[in-house]
PDB file of N, CA and C in Angstrom:
ATOM      1  N   MET A   1       5.303  -0.362  -9.294  1.00  0.00           N
ATOM      2  CA  MET A   1       3.978   0.171  -9.342  1.00  0.00           C
ATOM      3  C   MET A   1       3.725   0.754 -10.724  1.00  0.00           C
ATOM      4  N   VAL A   2       2.491   0.643 -11.140  1.00  0.00           N
ATOM      5  CA  VAL A   2       2.044   1.208 -12.410  1.00  0.00           C
ATOM      6  C   VAL A   2       0.796   2.021 -12.116  1.00  0.00           C
ATOM      7  N   SER A   3       0.697   3.193 -12.684  1.00  0.00           N
ATOM      8  CA  SER A   3      -0.489   4.001 -12.449  1.00  0.00           C
ATOM      9  C   SER A   3      -1.169   4.351 -13.765  1.00  0.00           C
ATOM     10  N   ILE A   4      -2.480   4.468 -13.678  1.00  0.00           N
ATOM     11  CA  ILE A   4      -3.276   4.893 -14.823  1.00  0.00           C
ATOM     12  C   ILE A   4      -4.073   6.096 -14.348  1.00  0.00           C
ATOM     13  N   PRO A   5      -3.691   7.306 -14.796  1.00  0.00           N
ATOM     14  CA  PRO A   5      -4.426   8.486 -14.350  1.00  0.00           C
ATOM     15  C   PRO A   5      -5.868   8.467 -14.840  1.00  0.00           C
ATOM     16  N   GLY A   6      -6.751   9.035 -14.037  1.00  0.00           N
ATOM     17  CA  GLY A   6      -8.151   9.119 -14.435  1.00  0.00           C
ATOM     18  C   GLY A   6      -8.333  10.105 -15.584  1.00  0.00           C
ATOM     19  N   GLU A   7      -9.298   9.848 -16.412  1.00  0.00           N
ATOM     20  CA  GLU A   7      -9.591  10.734 -17.529  1.00  0.00           C
ATOM     21  C   GLU A   7     -11.031  11.205 -17.410  1.00  0.00           C
ATOM     22  N   LEU A   8     -11.248  12.473 -17.681  1.00  0.00           N
ATOM     23  CA  LEU A   8     -12.588  13.054 -17.694  1.00  0.00           C
ATOM     24  C   LEU A   8     -13.362  12.745 -16.416  1.00  0.00           C
ATOM     25  N   GLY A   9     -12.697  12.901 -15.280  1.00  0.00           N
ATOM     26  CA  GLY A   9     -13.361  12.703 -14.005  1.00  0.00           C
ATOM     27  C   GLY A   9     -13.381  11.277 -13.508  1.00  0.00           C
ATOM     28  N   ALA A  10     -12.886  10.339 -14.306  1.00  0.00           N
ATOM     29  CA  ALA A  10     -12.842   8.945 -13.856  1.00  0.00           C
ATOM     30  C   ALA A  10     -11.722   8.790 -12.830  1.00  0.00           C
ATOM     31  N   PRO A  11     -11.887   7.885 -11.876  1.00  0.00           N
ATOM     32  CA  PRO A  11     -10.843   7.714 -10.867  1.00  0.00           C
ATOM     33  C   PRO A  11      -9.576   7.108 -11.456  1.00  0.00           C
ATOM     34  N   GLY A  12      -8.434   7.505 -10.896  1.00  0.00           N
ATOM     35  CA  GLY A  12      -7.169   6.907 -11.290  1.00  0.00           C
ATOM     36  C   GLY A  12      -6.993   5.572 -10.590  1.00  0.00           C
ATOM     37  N   VAL A  13      -6.232   4.709 -11.199  1.00  0.00           N
ATOM     38  CA  VAL A  13      -5.977   3.384 -10.644  1.00  0.00           C
ATOM     39  C   VAL A  13      -4.474   3.209 -10.509  1.00  0.00           C
ATOM     40  N   LEU A  14      -4.044   2.710  -9.349  1.00  0.00           N
ATOM     41  CA  LEU A  14      -2.637   2.440  -9.119  1.00  0.00           C
ATOM     42  C   LEU A  14      -2.474   0.945  -8.875  1.00  0.00           C
ATOM     43  N   PHE A  15      -1.658   0.293  -9.690  1.00  0.00           N
ATOM     44  CA  PHE A  15      -1.362  -1.127  -9.520  1.00  0.00           C
ATOM     45  C   PHE A  15      -0.114  -1.211  -8.649  1.00  0.00           C
ATOM     46  N   ALA A  16      -0.304  -1.518  -7.374  1.00  0.00           N
ATOM     47  CA  ALA A  16       0.765  -1.433  -6.381  1.00  0.00           C
ATOM     48  C   ALA A  16       1.619  -2.687  -6.290  1.00  0.00           C
ATOM     49  N   GLY A  17       1.137  -3.790  -6.786  1.00  0.00           N
ATOM     50  CA  GLY A  17       1.908  -5.025  -6.642  1.00  0.00           C
ATOM     51  C   GLY A  17       1.949  -5.467  -5.186  1.00  0.00           C
ATOM     52  N   ASP A  18       2.981  -6.205  -4.831  1.00  0.00           N
ATOM     53  CA  ASP A  18       3.038  -6.830  -3.512  1.00  0.00           C
ATOM     54  C   ASP A  18       3.346  -5.883  -2.365  1.00  0.00           C
ATOM     55  N   VAL A  19       3.532  -4.593  -2.639  1.00  0.00           N
ATOM     56  CA  VAL A  19       3.699  -3.647  -1.534  1.00  0.00           C
ATOM     57  C   VAL A  19       2.383  -3.553  -0.758  1.00  0.00           C
ATOM     58  N   LEU A  20       1.263  -3.812  -1.423  1.00  0.00           N
ATOM     59  CA  LEU A  20      -0.045  -3.911  -0.778  1.00  0.00           C
ATOM     60  C   LEU A  20      -0.523  -5.352  -0.896  1.00  0.00           C
ATOM     61  N   GLU A  21      -1.012  -5.904   0.210  1.00  0.00           N
ATOM     62  CA  GLU A  21      -1.570  -7.255   0.189  1.00  0.00           C
ATOM     63  C   GLU A  21      -2.854  -7.246   0.991  1.00  0.00           C
ATOM     64  N   GLU A  22      -3.958  -7.600   0.343  1.00  0.00           N
ATOM     65  CA  GLU A  22      -5.261  -7.598   0.979  1.00  0.00           C
ATOM     66  C   GLU A  22      -5.744  -9.033   1.118  1.00  0.00           C
ATOM     67  N   GLY A  23      -6.356  -9.346   2.248  1.00  0.00           N
ATOM     68  CA  GLY A  23      -6.936 -10.671   2.433  1.00  0.00           C
ATOM     69  C   GLY A  23      -6.068 -11.641   3.203  1.00  0.00           C
ATOM     70  N   ALA A  24      -4.815 -11.311   3.401  1.00  0.00           N
ATOM     71  CA  ALA A  24      -3.894 -12.160   4.159  1.00  0.00           C
ATOM     72  C   ALA A  24      -2.765 -11.271   4.678  1.00  0.00           C
ATOM     73  N   PRO A  25      -2.101 -11.695   5.743  1.00  0.00           N
ATOM     74  CA  PRO A  25      -0.974 -10.896   6.237  1.00  0.00           C
ATOM     75  C   PRO A  25       0.118 -10.766   5.179  1.00  0.00           C
ATOM     76  N   ALA A  26       0.775  -9.629   5.180  1.00  0.00           N
ATOM     77  CA  ALA A  26       1.883  -9.410   4.241  1.00  0.00           C
ATOM     78  C   ALA A  26       3.006 -10.392   4.536  1.00  0.00           C
ATOM     79  N   ALA A  27       3.612 -10.900   3.491  1.00  0.00           N
ATOM     80  CA  ALA A  27       4.720 -11.849   3.625  1.00  0.00           C
ATOM     81  C   ALA A  27       6.016 -11.071   3.811  1.00  0.00           C
ATOM     82  N   VAL A  28       6.469 -10.999   5.048  1.00  0.00           N
ATOM     83  CA  VAL A  28       7.692 -10.267   5.371  1.00  0.00           C
ATOM     84  C   VAL A  28       8.821 -11.275   5.530  1.00  0.00           C
ATOM     85  N   ASP A  29       9.822 -11.170   4.671  1.00  0.00           N
ATOM     86  CA  ASP A  29      10.985 -12.046   4.728  1.00  0.00           C
ATOM     87  C   ASP A  29      12.049 -11.440   5.636  1.00  0.00           C
ATOM     88  N   PRO A  30      13.002 -12.237   6.106  1.00  0.00           N
ATOM     89  CA  PRO A  30      14.068 -11.700   6.964  1.00  0.00           C
ATOM     90  C   PRO A  30      14.843 -10.556   6.314  1.00  0.00           C
ATOM     91  N   GLU A  31      14.966 -10.585   5.000  1.00  0.00           N
ATOM     92  CA  GLU A  31      15.712  -9.525   4.321  1.00  0.00           C
ATOM     93  C   GLU A  31      14.837  -8.324   3.949  1.00  0.00           C
ATOM     94  N   SER A  32      13.552  -8.360   4.291  1.00  0.00           N
ATOM     95  CA  SER A  32      12.653  -7.233   4.008  1.00  0.00           C
ATOM     96  C   SER A  32      13.024  -6.030   4.864  1.00  0.00           C
ATOM     97  N   SER A  33      12.910  -4.858   4.301  1.00  0.00           N
ATOM     98  CA  SER A  33      13.112  -3.618   5.043  1.00  0.00           C
ATOM     99  C   SER A  33      11.747  -3.140   5.533  1.00  0.00           C
ATOM    100  N   VAL A  34      11.431  -3.452   6.776  1.00  0.00           N
ATOM    101  CA  VAL A  34      10.127  -3.085   7.324  1.00  0.00           C
ATOM    102  C   VAL A  34       9.944  -1.568   7.345  1.00  0.00           C
ATOM    103  N   PRO A  35      10.948  -0.767   7.802  1.00  0.00           N
ATOM    104  CA  PRO A  35      10.735   0.681   7.755  1.00  0.00           C
ATOM    105  C   PRO A  35      10.641   1.213   6.317  1.00  0.00           C
ATOM    106  N   GLY A  36      11.366   0.602   5.397  1.00  0.00           N
ATOM    107  CA  GLY A  36      11.272   1.007   3.993  1.00  0.00           C
ATOM    108  C   GLY A  36       9.885   0.718   3.434  1.00  0.00           C
ATOM    109  N   TRP A  37       9.359  -0.445   3.769  1.00  0.00           N
ATOM    110  CA  TRP A  37       8.022  -0.847   3.317  1.00  0.00           C
ATOM    111  C   TRP A  37       6.984   0.106   3.903  1.00  0.00           C
ATOM    112  N   ALA A  38       7.112   0.415   5.206  1.00  0.00           N
ATOM    113  CA  ALA A  38       6.171   1.328   5.863  1.00  0.00           C
ATOM    114  C   ALA A  38       6.220   2.720   5.234  1.00  0.00           C
ATOM    115  N   THR A  39       7.399   3.170   4.860  1.00  0.00           N
ATOM    116  CA  THR A  39       7.547   4.483   4.221  1.00  0.00           C
ATOM    117  C   THR A  39       6.801   4.522   2.883  1.00  0.00           C
ATOM    118  N   VAL A  40       6.931   3.460   2.101  1.00  0.00           N
ATOM    119  CA  VAL A  40       6.215   3.388   0.817  1.00  0.00           C
ATOM    120  C   VAL A  40       4.706   3.365   1.060  1.00  0.00           C
ATOM    121  N   LEU A  41       4.269   2.623   2.074  1.00  0.00           N
ATOM    122  CA  LEU A  41       2.840   2.583   2.390  1.00  0.00           C
ATOM    123  C   LEU A  41       2.329   3.965   2.798  1.00  0.00           C
ATOM    124  N   ASP A  42       3.128   4.702   3.563  1.00  0.00           N
ATOM    125  CA  ASP A  42       2.755   6.079   3.925  1.00  0.00           C
ATOM    126  C   ASP A  42       2.578   6.935   2.673  1.00  0.00           C
ATOM    127  N   ARG A  43       3.471   6.770   1.720  1.00  0.00           N
ATOM    128  CA  ARG A  43       3.369   7.536   0.463  1.00  0.00           C
ATOM    129  C   ARG A  43       2.105   7.162  -0.312  1.00  0.00           C
ATOM    130  N   LEU A  44       1.810   5.862  -0.366  1.00  0.00           N
ATOM    131  CA  LEU A  44       0.590   5.428  -1.052  1.00  0.00           C
ATOM    132  C   LEU A  44      -0.644   6.012  -0.375  1.00  0.00           C
ATOM    133  N   ALA A  45      -0.636   6.039   0.944  1.00  0.00           N
ATOM    134  CA  ALA A  45      -1.788   6.565   1.686  1.00  0.00           C
ATOM    135  C   ALA A  45      -2.064   8.020   1.318  1.00  0.00           C
ATOM    136  N   LYS A  46      -1.021   8.764   0.991  1.00  0.00           N
ATOM    137  CA  LYS A  46      -1.178  10.176   0.625  1.00  0.00           C
ATOM    138  C   LYS A  46      -1.595  10.361  -0.836  1.00  0.00           C
ATOM    139  N   MET A  47      -1.627   9.293  -1.605  1.00  0.00           N
ATOM    140  CA  MET A  47      -1.941   9.383  -3.032  1.00  0.00           C
ATOM    141  C   MET A  47      -3.404   9.084  -3.340  1.00  0.00           C
ATOM    142  N   GLY A  48      -4.222   8.921  -2.298  1.00  0.00           N
ATOM    143  CA  GLY A  48      -5.621   8.545  -2.498  1.00  0.00           C
ATOM    144  C   GLY A  48      -6.431   9.532  -3.321  1.00  0.00           C
ATOM    145  N   GLY A  49      -6.077  10.822  -3.262  1.00  0.00           N
ATOM    146  CA  GLY A  49      -6.813  11.804  -4.061  1.00  0.00           C
ATOM    147  C   GLY A  49      -6.634  11.590  -5.547  1.00  0.00           C
ATOM    148  N   LYS A  50      -5.428  11.229  -5.941  1.00  0.00           N
ATOM    149  CA  LYS A  50      -5.129  11.016  -7.361  1.00  0.00           C
ATOM    150  C   LYS A  50      -5.482   9.587  -7.796  1.00  0.00           C
ATOM    151  N   TYR A  51      -5.277   8.634  -6.878  1.00  0.00           N
ATOM    152  CA  TYR A  51      -5.519   7.219  -7.189  1.00  0.00           C
ATOM    153  C   TYR A  51      -6.423   6.613  -6.115  1.00  0.00           C
ATOM    154  N   PRO A  52      -7.725   6.836  -6.207  1.00  0.00           N
ATOM    155  CA  PRO A  52      -8.620   6.288  -5.185  1.00  0.00           C
ATOM    156  C   PRO A  52      -8.767   4.773  -5.248  1.00  0.00           C
ATOM    157  N   ILE A  53      -8.351   4.187  -6.345  1.00  0.00           N
ATOM    158  CA  ILE A  53      -8.393   2.726  -6.482  1.00  0.00           C
ATOM    159  C   ILE A  53      -6.957   2.222  -6.553  1.00  0.00           C
ATOM    160  N   MET A  54      -6.609   1.335  -5.611  1.00  0.00           N
ATOM    161  CA  MET A  54      -5.276   0.737  -5.585  1.00  0.00           C
ATOM    162  C   MET A  54      -5.431  -0.771  -5.665  1.00  0.00           C
ATOM    163  N   VAL A  55      -4.734  -1.355  -6.620  1.00  0.00           N
ATOM    164  CA  VAL A  55      -4.831  -2.797  -6.839  1.00  0.00           C
ATOM    165  C   VAL A  55      -3.607  -3.454  -6.206  1.00  0.00           C
ATOM    166  N   PRO A  56      -3.827  -4.267  -5.167  1.00  0.00           N
ATOM    167  CA  PRO A  56      -2.700  -4.919  -4.504  1.00  0.00           C
ATOM    168  C   PRO A  56      -2.189  -6.111  -5.312  1.00  0.00           C
ATOM    169  N   GLY A  57      -1.044  -6.621  -4.896  1.00  0.00           N
ATOM    170  CA  GLY A  57      -0.491  -7.814  -5.538  1.00  0.00           C
ATOM    171  C   GLY A  57      -1.362  -9.036  -5.304  1.00  0.00           C
ATOM    172  N   HIS A  58      -2.054  -9.038  -4.161  1.00  0.00           N
ATOM    173  CA  HIS A  58      -2.956 -10.149  -3.811  1.00  0.00           C
ATOM    174  C   HIS A  58      -4.201  -9.552  -3.176  1.00  0.00           C
ATOM    175  N   GLY A  59      -5.362 -10.055  -3.530  1.00  0.00           N
ATOM    176  CA  GLY A  59      -6.607  -9.606  -2.923  1.00  0.00           C
ATOM    177  C   GLY A  59      -7.370  -8.620  -3.790  1.00  0.00           C
ATOM    178  N   ASN A  60      -8.391  -8.033  -3.181  1.00  0.00           N
ATOM    179  CA  ASN A  60      -9.298  -7.117  -3.877  1.00  0.00           C
ATOM    180  C   ASN A  60      -8.750  -5.695  -3.895  1.00  0.00           C
ATOM    181  N   PRO A  61      -9.199  -4.889  -4.844  1.00  0.00           N
ATOM    182  CA  PRO A  61      -8.792  -3.486  -4.863  1.00  0.00           C
ATOM    183  C   PRO A  61      -9.128  -2.805  -3.536  1.00  0.00           C
ATOM    184  N   VAL A  62      -8.295  -1.845  -3.171  1.00  0.00           N
ATOM    185  CA  VAL A  62      -8.430  -1.139  -1.898  1.00  0.00           C
ATOM    186  C   VAL A  62      -8.297   0.358  -2.133  1.00  0.00           C
ATOM    187  N   GLY A  63      -8.450   1.121  -1.072  1.00  0.00           N
ATOM    188  CA  GLY A  63      -8.263   2.562  -1.129  1.00  0.00           C
ATOM    189  C   GLY A  63      -7.069   2.970  -0.293  1.00  0.00           C
ATOM    190  N   ALA A  64      -6.816   4.271  -0.265  1.00  0.00           N
ATOM    191  CA  ALA A  64      -5.664   4.816   0.453  1.00  0.00           C
ATOM    192  C   ALA A  64      -5.723   4.517   1.942  1.00  0.00           C
ATOM    193  N   GLU A  65      -6.931   4.435   2.507  1.00  0.00           N
ATOM    194  CA  GLU A  65      -7.047   4.149   3.936  1.00  0.00           C
ATOM    195  C   GLU A  65      -6.494   2.767   4.279  1.00  0.00           C
ATOM    196  N   PHE A  66      -6.573   1.844   3.342  1.00  0.00           N
ATOM    197  CA  PHE A  66      -6.004   0.508   3.561  1.00  0.00           C
ATOM    198  C   PHE A  66      -4.482   0.601   3.640  1.00  0.00           C
ATOM    199  N   ALA A  67      -3.886   1.376   2.736  1.00  0.00           N
ATOM    200  CA  ALA A  67      -2.432   1.574   2.764  1.00  0.00           C
ATOM    201  C   ALA A  67      -2.012   2.231   4.076  1.00  0.00           C
ATOM    202  N   ALA A  68      -2.804   3.198   4.553  1.00  0.00           N
ATOM    203  CA  ALA A  68      -2.488   3.868   5.816  1.00  0.00           C
ATOM    204  C   ALA A  68      -2.535   2.885   6.983  1.00  0.00           C
ATOM    205  N   THR A  69      -3.525   2.014   6.992  1.00  0.00           N
ATOM    206  CA  THR A  69      -3.647   1.018   8.056  1.00  0.00           C
ATOM    207  C   THR A  69      -2.480   0.034   8.011  1.00  0.00           C
ATOM    208  N   MET A  70      -2.114  -0.398   6.812  1.00  0.00           N
ATOM    209  CA  MET A  70      -0.949  -1.287   6.684  1.00  0.00           C
ATOM    210  C   MET A  70       0.315  -0.608   7.200  1.00  0.00           C
ATOM    211  N   ALA A  71       0.480   0.680   6.893  1.00  0.00           N
ATOM    212  CA  ALA A  71       1.660   1.421   7.343  1.00  0.00           C
ATOM    213  C   ALA A  71       1.727   1.442   8.863  1.00  0.00           C
ATOM    214  N   VAL A  72       0.604   1.695   9.517  1.00  0.00           N
ATOM    215  CA  VAL A  72       0.568   1.712  10.990  1.00  0.00           C
ATOM    216  C   VAL A  72       1.034   0.366  11.540  1.00  0.00           C
ATOM    217  N   HIS A  73       0.554  -0.711  10.955  1.00  0.00           N
ATOM    218  CA  HIS A  73       0.947  -2.053  11.411  1.00  0.00           C
ATOM    219  C   HIS A  73       2.437  -2.305  11.180  1.00  0.00           C
ATOM    220  N   PHE A  74       2.957  -1.862  10.052  1.00  0.00           N
ATOM    221  CA  PHE A  74       4.384  -2.065   9.766  1.00  0.00           C
ATOM    222  C   PHE A  74       5.264  -1.252  10.707  1.00  0.00           C
ATOM    223  N   TRP A  75       4.866   0.021  10.984  1.00  0.00           N
ATOM    224  CA  TRP A  75       5.660   0.832  11.921  1.00  0.00           C
ATOM    225  C   TRP A  75       5.643   0.197  13.309  1.00  0.00           C
ATOM    226  N   ALA A  76       4.491  -0.320  13.730  1.00  0.00           N
ATOM    227  CA  ALA A  76       4.399  -0.975  15.047  1.00  0.00           C
ATOM    228  C   ALA A  76       5.272  -2.226  15.084  1.00  0.00           C
ATOM    229  N   ARG A  77       5.265  -2.981  14.020  1.00  0.00           N
ATOM    230  CA  ARG A  77       6.092  -4.194  13.946  1.00  0.00           C
ATOM    231  C   ARG A  77       7.579  -3.836  14.064  1.00  0.00           C
ATOM    232  N   TRP A  78       7.980  -2.789  13.350  1.00  0.00           N
ATOM    233  CA  TRP A  78       9.390  -2.357  13.376  1.00  0.00           C
ATOM    234  C   TRP A  78       9.775  -1.913  14.777  1.00  0.00           C
ATOM    235  N   GLN A  79       8.909  -1.154  15.440  1.00  0.00           N
ATOM    236  CA  GLN A  79       9.209  -0.678  16.796  1.00  0.00           C
ATOM    237  C   GLN A  79       9.333  -1.837  17.776  1.00  0.00           C
ATOM    238  N   ARG A  80       8.470  -2.852  17.636  1.00  0.00           N
ATOM    239  CA  ARG A  80       8.540  -4.028  18.515  1.00  0.00           C
ATOM    240  C   ARG A  80       9.842  -4.794  18.344  1.00  0.00           C
ATOM    241  N   ASN A  81      10.337  -4.824  17.114  1.00  0.00           N
ATOM    242  CA  ASN A  81      11.527  -5.638  16.805  1.00  0.00           C
ATOM    243  C   ASN A  81      12.817  -4.851  16.824  1.00  0.00           C
ATOM    244  N   SER A  82      12.762  -3.577  17.127  1.00  0.00           N
ATOM    245  CA  SER A  82      13.990  -2.756  17.148  1.00  0.00           C
ATOM    246  C   SER A  82      14.653  -2.803  18.502  1.00  0.00           C
TER     247      SER A  82
END
């Protein structure tokens, strides 16, 4: 991830890469750590005040609420498969 803090009241931008994917389901490989991914998404969701604009690896820019929604889906997926 790369972040650009806002200056003079401008919003900060966080380039999240493939940890966020908008427009299509996230590509989860067998070796992916679903709880690890969900934990990172939870952290991103809490960063919305500092970085209201988050640029995913694929798709359009999103906000912290998108990261929170992705985290909920990842935690549910992990619980189903545990």
